[in-house]
Protein backbone atom coordinates (compact mmCIF):
# COMPACT_ATOMS: atom_id res chain seq x y z
CA MET A 1 12.81 66.32 142.03
CA ARG A 2 11.72 66.00 145.65
CA ASN A 3 8.39 64.31 146.34
CA ARG A 4 5.57 66.47 147.69
CA PRO A 5 5.09 65.80 151.44
CA PRO A 6 1.99 63.68 152.07
CA PRO A 7 -0.77 64.69 154.52
CA ILE A 8 0.18 63.94 158.12
CA ALA A 9 -2.94 61.77 158.59
CA THR A 10 -1.74 59.38 155.90
CA LEU A 11 1.62 59.01 157.62
CA ARG A 12 -0.09 58.27 160.93
CA ALA A 13 -2.19 55.63 159.19
CA LEU A 14 0.93 54.05 157.68
CA GLU A 15 2.79 54.01 161.01
CA ALA A 16 -0.15 52.47 162.93
CA ALA A 17 -1.01 49.93 160.21
CA ALA A 18 2.63 48.86 159.89
CA ARG A 19 2.86 48.37 163.65
CA HIS A 20 -0.41 46.42 164.02
CA LEU A 21 -0.47 44.81 160.54
CA ASN A 22 -4.20 45.28 160.83
CA PHE A 23 -6.31 48.14 159.47
CA THR A 24 -9.05 47.62 162.06
CA LYS A 25 -6.66 47.89 165.05
CA ALA A 26 -4.96 50.89 163.45
CA ALA A 27 -8.36 52.55 162.99
CA GLU A 28 -9.27 51.95 166.66
CA GLU A 29 -5.99 53.53 167.79
CA LEU A 30 -6.47 56.55 165.54
CA ASN A 31 -10.17 56.85 166.37
CA VAL A 32 -11.25 56.65 162.74
CA THR A 33 -13.02 54.04 160.64
CA GLN A 34 -11.31 51.06 159.07
CA SER A 35 -12.27 52.32 155.64
CA ALA A 36 -10.62 55.69 156.42
CA VAL A 37 -7.31 53.95 157.19
CA SER A 38 -7.58 51.87 154.04
CA HIS A 39 -8.30 54.99 152.00
CA GLN A 40 -5.27 56.84 153.50
CA ILE A 41 -2.92 53.95 152.72
CA ARG A 42 -4.28 53.79 149.17
CA HIS A 43 -3.72 57.56 148.83
CA LEU A 44 -0.05 57.14 149.89
CA GLU A 45 0.48 54.31 147.43
CA GLU A 46 -0.95 56.41 144.60
CA LEU A 47 1.03 59.51 145.67
CA TRP A 48 4.36 57.69 145.85
CA GLY A 49 3.67 55.11 143.14
CA LEU A 50 4.73 52.37 145.55
CA LYS A 51 2.83 49.40 146.93
CA LEU A 52 3.13 49.40 150.72
CA PHE A 53 1.07 46.38 151.83
CA ASP A 54 0.18 43.01 150.44
CA ARG A 55 -3.33 41.93 151.39
CA PRO A 56 -3.51 38.15 151.57
CA SER A 57 -6.71 36.46 152.69
CA ARG A 58 -5.86 37.06 156.36
CA GLY A 59 -4.13 40.16 157.78
CA LEU A 60 -1.58 42.46 156.19
CA VAL A 61 2.03 42.05 155.10
CA LEU A 62 4.43 44.92 154.52
CA THR A 63 6.01 44.93 151.09
CA ARG A 64 9.69 45.65 150.65
CA ASN A 65 8.70 49.28 150.09
CA GLY A 66 6.63 49.34 153.27
CA GLN A 67 9.44 47.73 155.28
CA ALA A 68 11.79 50.49 154.15
CA LEU A 69 9.39 53.39 154.75
CA ALA A 70 7.61 52.40 157.98
CA PRO A 71 10.70 52.85 160.26
CA VAL A 72 11.39 56.25 158.66
CA VAL A 73 7.84 57.39 159.40
CA ARG A 74 7.97 55.96 162.93
CA ASN A 75 11.30 57.76 163.58
CA PHE A 76 9.77 61.02 162.31
CA PHE A 77 6.90 60.81 164.80
CA ASP A 78 9.22 59.80 167.66
CA ARG A 79 11.59 62.72 166.98
CA LEU A 80 8.69 65.13 166.59
CA SER A 81 7.25 64.02 169.93
CA ASP A 82 10.62 64.23 171.71
CA THR A 83 11.34 67.69 170.31
CA LEU A 84 7.90 68.98 171.30
CA ASP A 85 8.37 67.57 174.83
CA THR A 86 11.72 69.35 175.11
CA LEU A 87 10.38 72.67 173.84
CA GLN A 88 7.29 72.54 176.03
CA THR A 89 9.43 71.72 179.08
CA GLU A 90 11.69 74.68 178.31
CA MET A 91 8.67 76.96 178.10
CA THR A 92 7.75 76.10 181.69
CA ARG A 93 11.26 76.89 183.02
CA ILE A 94 12.23 80.37 184.14
CA PRO A 95 15.39 81.86 182.58
CA LEU A 96 17.13 84.34 184.88
CA ARG A 97 19.74 86.43 183.10
CA VAL A 98 22.58 87.66 185.33
CA ASP A 99 25.54 89.75 184.22
CA THR A 100 28.70 90.23 186.28
CA LEU A 101 32.46 90.68 186.12
CA GLN A 102 34.26 87.73 184.55
CA SER A 103 36.68 87.40 187.47
CA PHE A 104 33.84 87.32 190.00
CA ALA A 105 31.87 84.82 187.92
CA VAL A 106 34.82 82.43 187.62
CA LYS A 107 36.20 82.69 191.15
CA TRP A 108 33.06 83.15 193.26
CA LEU A 109 29.71 82.78 191.52
CA VAL A 110 30.04 79.73 189.27
CA PRO A 111 31.59 77.44 191.95
CA ARG A 112 28.49 78.08 194.11
CA LEU A 113 25.80 77.55 191.47
CA GLY A 114 25.28 73.91 192.46
CA SER A 115 23.71 75.18 195.67
CA PHE A 116 21.34 77.43 193.73
CA TYR A 117 20.21 74.69 191.34
CA SER A 118 19.63 72.22 194.17
CA LYS A 119 17.26 74.71 195.82
CA HIS A 120 15.69 76.11 192.64
CA PRO A 121 15.75 73.41 189.93
CA ASP A 122 13.04 75.22 187.96
CA ILE A 123 15.22 78.31 187.34
CA ASP A 124 17.95 78.43 184.70
CA LEU A 125 20.65 81.02 185.35
CA TRP A 126 22.06 82.52 182.17
CA ILE A 127 25.42 84.11 183.05
CA SER A 128 27.05 86.82 180.94
CA THR A 129 30.08 88.98 181.76
CA HIS A 130 30.97 92.62 181.10
CA ASP A 131 33.52 94.87 182.78
CA GLU A 132 31.33 97.95 182.47
CA LEU A 133 27.92 98.57 184.04
CA ILE A 134 25.39 97.49 181.45
CA ASP A 135 22.31 99.41 180.34
CA PHE A 136 19.18 97.45 181.28
CA ALA A 137 17.27 99.25 178.50
CA VAL A 138 19.69 97.88 175.90
CA HIS A 139 20.88 94.51 177.23
CA GLU A 140 18.54 91.58 177.85
CA VAL A 141 19.55 91.12 181.50
CA ASP A 142 17.45 90.77 184.65
CA ALA A 143 20.12 91.66 187.23
CA THR A 144 23.83 92.35 187.55
CA ILE A 145 26.44 91.82 190.26
CA ARG A 146 28.76 94.79 190.30
CA LEU A 147 31.78 96.04 192.20
CA GLY A 148 31.18 99.61 193.29
CA LYS A 149 29.76 101.87 195.97
CA GLY A 150 26.12 100.87 195.52
CA ASP A 151 24.96 104.25 194.24
CA TYR A 152 23.43 103.48 190.86
CA PRO A 153 20.87 106.15 189.82
CA GLY A 154 17.51 104.66 188.88
CA LEU A 155 18.56 101.19 190.00
CA HIS A 156 18.00 99.11 193.12
CA SER A 157 21.11 97.68 194.79
CA THR A 158 21.69 95.17 197.60
CA LEU A 159 25.06 94.83 199.36
CA LEU A 160 26.44 91.32 199.04
CA LEU A 161 30.14 91.21 199.96
CA ARG A 162 32.65 93.59 201.48
CA GLU A 163 36.07 93.42 199.89
CA TYR A 164 39.43 93.11 201.65
CA VAL A 165 42.75 93.56 199.85
CA PHE A 166 45.97 91.73 200.68
CA PRO A 167 49.01 90.16 198.98
CA VAL A 168 49.12 86.45 198.16
CA CYS A 169 51.65 84.02 196.73
CA SER A 170 52.01 80.29 196.26
CA PRO A 171 53.58 78.02 198.90
CA LYS A 172 56.26 77.23 196.29
CA PHE A 173 57.18 80.90 195.97
CA LEU A 174 57.34 81.29 199.76
CA GLU A 175 59.67 78.30 200.04
CA LYS A 176 62.10 80.00 197.64
CA SER A 177 61.85 83.48 199.12
CA GLY A 178 61.98 82.44 202.77
CA PRO A 179 59.78 83.95 205.52
CA LEU A 180 58.40 87.45 204.91
CA SER A 181 58.03 89.34 208.18
CA SER A 182 56.99 92.82 207.02
CA PRO A 183 55.18 94.45 204.05
CA LYS A 184 58.30 96.48 203.22
CA GLN A 185 60.12 93.28 202.22
CA LEU A 186 57.72 92.87 199.27
CA LEU A 187 59.52 95.68 197.42
CA LYS A 188 62.41 93.28 196.85
CA TYR A 189 60.30 90.69 195.06
CA HIS A 190 58.44 90.11 191.79
CA LEU A 191 55.07 91.89 192.15
CA LEU A 192 52.28 90.97 189.72
CA LEU A 193 50.24 93.91 188.48
CA ARG A 194 46.65 94.28 187.25
CA LEU A 195 46.21 96.54 184.23
CA GLY A 196 44.29 99.81 184.50
CA ASP A 197 41.00 99.04 186.27
CA PRO A 198 40.30 102.03 188.54
CA ALA A 199 38.07 99.86 190.77
CA HIS A 200 40.94 97.47 191.38
CA PRO A 201 43.37 98.50 194.16
CA ASN A 202 46.98 98.86 193.05
CA TRP A 203 50.20 98.16 194.88
CA GLU A 204 50.92 101.85 195.51
CA ASP A 205 47.55 102.17 197.32
CA TRP A 206 48.21 99.06 199.37
CA PHE A 207 51.70 100.11 200.44
CA GLN A 208 50.35 103.52 201.42
CA LYS A 209 47.58 101.89 203.49
CA VAL A 210 50.06 99.75 205.42
CA GLY A 211 52.50 102.61 205.95
CA VAL A 212 55.26 101.66 203.51
CA GLU A 213 56.68 104.55 201.52
CA THR A 214 57.35 103.97 197.81
CA ARG A 215 59.26 106.61 195.82
CA PHE A 216 58.81 105.03 192.38
CA PRO A 217 56.08 103.31 190.35
CA ILE A 218 55.82 99.61 191.09
CA GLU A 219 57.20 97.58 188.19
CA GLY A 220 56.46 94.01 187.24
CA PRO A 221 54.44 91.77 184.88
CA ARG A 222 51.00 93.18 184.03
CA PHE A 223 47.83 91.18 183.39
CA PRO A 224 44.48 92.22 181.85
CA ASP A 225 42.34 90.63 184.54
CA THR A 226 42.50 89.41 188.13
CA ASN A 227 42.24 85.72 187.27
CA MET A 228 45.42 85.82 185.19
CA ALA A 229 47.39 87.58 187.91
CA LEU A 230 46.18 85.07 190.50
CA GLN A 231 46.99 82.14 188.23
CA ALA A 232 50.50 83.50 187.79
CA ALA A 233 50.81 83.74 191.59
CA MET A 234 49.59 80.14 191.99
CA ASP A 235 52.24 79.08 189.47
CA GLY A 236 54.95 80.64 191.66
CA GLN A 237 55.69 83.56 189.33
CA GLY A 238 55.40 86.27 191.97
CA ILE A 239 53.15 88.01 194.50
CA ALA A 240 49.68 89.25 193.54
CA LEU A 241 47.42 91.77 195.22
CA ALA A 242 44.14 89.93 195.80
CA ARG A 243 40.57 90.65 196.74
CA SER A 244 39.09 88.42 199.40
CA ALA A 245 36.13 87.26 197.29
CA HIS A 246 38.49 86.00 194.57
CA VAL A 247 40.87 83.93 196.65
CA PHE A 248 39.07 82.51 199.67
CA ASP A 249 38.68 79.05 198.11
CA ASP A 250 42.31 79.09 196.94
CA LEU A 251 43.49 80.03 200.44
CA GLN A 252 41.49 77.22 202.00
CA ALA A 253 42.76 74.72 199.41
CA GLY A 254 46.37 75.79 200.00
CA ARG A 255 46.94 76.98 196.44
CA LEU A 256 47.67 80.47 197.75
CA VAL A 257 49.04 81.86 200.99
CA LYS A 258 47.98 85.19 202.49
CA LEU A 259 51.00 87.29 203.45
CA PHE A 260 50.84 89.10 206.78
CA ASP A 261 47.83 89.58 209.01
CA VAL A 262 47.37 93.00 207.44
CA ASP A 263 44.64 93.94 205.00
CA TYR A 264 42.27 96.79 204.46
CA GLU A 265 38.68 97.09 203.42
CA SER A 266 38.32 98.30 199.86
CA SER A 267 36.28 101.41 199.09
CA VAL A 268 34.11 99.27 196.80
CA ALA A 269 32.00 96.17 197.47
CA TYR A 270 29.87 93.70 195.51
CA TYR A 271 26.22 94.63 194.97
CA LEU A 272 23.27 92.93 193.31
CA VAL A 273 21.78 95.54 190.98
CA CYS A 274 18.45 95.57 189.10
CA PRO A 275 16.00 98.17 187.80
CA LYS A 276 13.84 99.78 190.47
CA GLY A 277 10.40 98.26 190.68
CA VAL A 278 11.44 94.68 189.80
CA GLU A 279 13.50 93.90 192.90
CA ASP A 280 10.62 92.02 194.55
CA THR A 281 9.48 90.01 191.54
CA PRO A 282 9.70 86.28 192.33
CA LYS A 283 12.80 85.41 190.31
CA ILE A 284 14.82 88.48 191.40
CA ALA A 285 13.78 87.99 195.03
CA THR A 286 14.79 84.32 194.81
CA LEU A 287 18.20 85.22 193.41
CA ARG A 288 18.72 87.98 195.98
CA GLU A 289 17.79 85.72 198.91
CA TRP A 290 20.21 83.03 197.74
CA LEU A 291 23.05 85.47 197.00
CA VAL A 292 22.69 87.27 200.33
CA ALA A 293 22.82 83.94 202.20
CA GLU A 294 25.85 82.69 200.23
CA ALA A 295 27.62 86.04 200.62
CA ALA A 296 26.99 86.10 204.38
CA LEU A 297 28.44 82.61 204.69
CA ALA A 298 31.48 83.52 202.61
CA GLN A 299 31.98 86.75 204.56
CA ALA A 300 31.80 84.95 207.91
CA GLU A 301 34.27 82.30 206.72
CA TYR A 302 36.70 84.94 205.53
CA ASP A 303 36.35 87.00 208.70
CA HIS A 304 37.08 83.87 210.73
CA LEU A 305 40.13 83.10 208.58
CA SER A 306 41.37 86.70 208.83
CA PRO A 307 40.58 88.20 212.27
CA SER A 308 41.91 91.60 211.18
CA ALA A 309 39.01 91.85 208.72
CA ALA A 310 36.30 91.28 211.33
């Protein structure tokens, strides 16, 4: 049968007395009388049926029982103090819950979070991902980053990034295929397709935009999200239709190559969305200011890389 837990004051008396080996010094530390410490130790010994201290003519000596129990009690108080410090520190930090598309989180948002934390170390971003627009009344989320037209009834939206659409492939694929001089040539090659997301431009749309007639549905491997299609392109498996926000870093790093100086602005863009009335609260305003600055920098870098998008 488990022993009944002793009063916390008796454990404090044991820990202090074991450390000082002196009831008087333990009493001074605990701001009680020496007799109170002696009484608490005696209470523990009676409760546990174990002698904890020998009391020779001068000072105190821990018994074998005391030597075994004192470190356990000391570890308990140390762990309790550390846990309380951690919990109290967490209470002073501000969690900011942001939901977005998984592809955007992986390819654009997460790689830039170091900049946010360096400027706002007191705010913890909690990232979640959904493909559909979430309901703020149901989900515990402060703001979302969404791809759309910015018209969200009852919600406040801020434009972050315009989107440009263009084909990409790996340098390895281009070495095998040879130079590609016109969009029409793409019809001869392995085109990587994104499964049914109406917000995502498809190859038929792109060919129509650049004036290439297609008389049949585009065939090729299909992927459930943008990241998979782009990874397949980076692995040399074919040509993917990319959004600028997803591939800028890969273009700069040379993992992907943009084909042709031809692209078009998508009918949708990235917006920061939150309920009306909370857009100017400190944490939302802080997030918006940082996102707008990062998006402006990314947009300027892309526009410089692709003059046709400017």
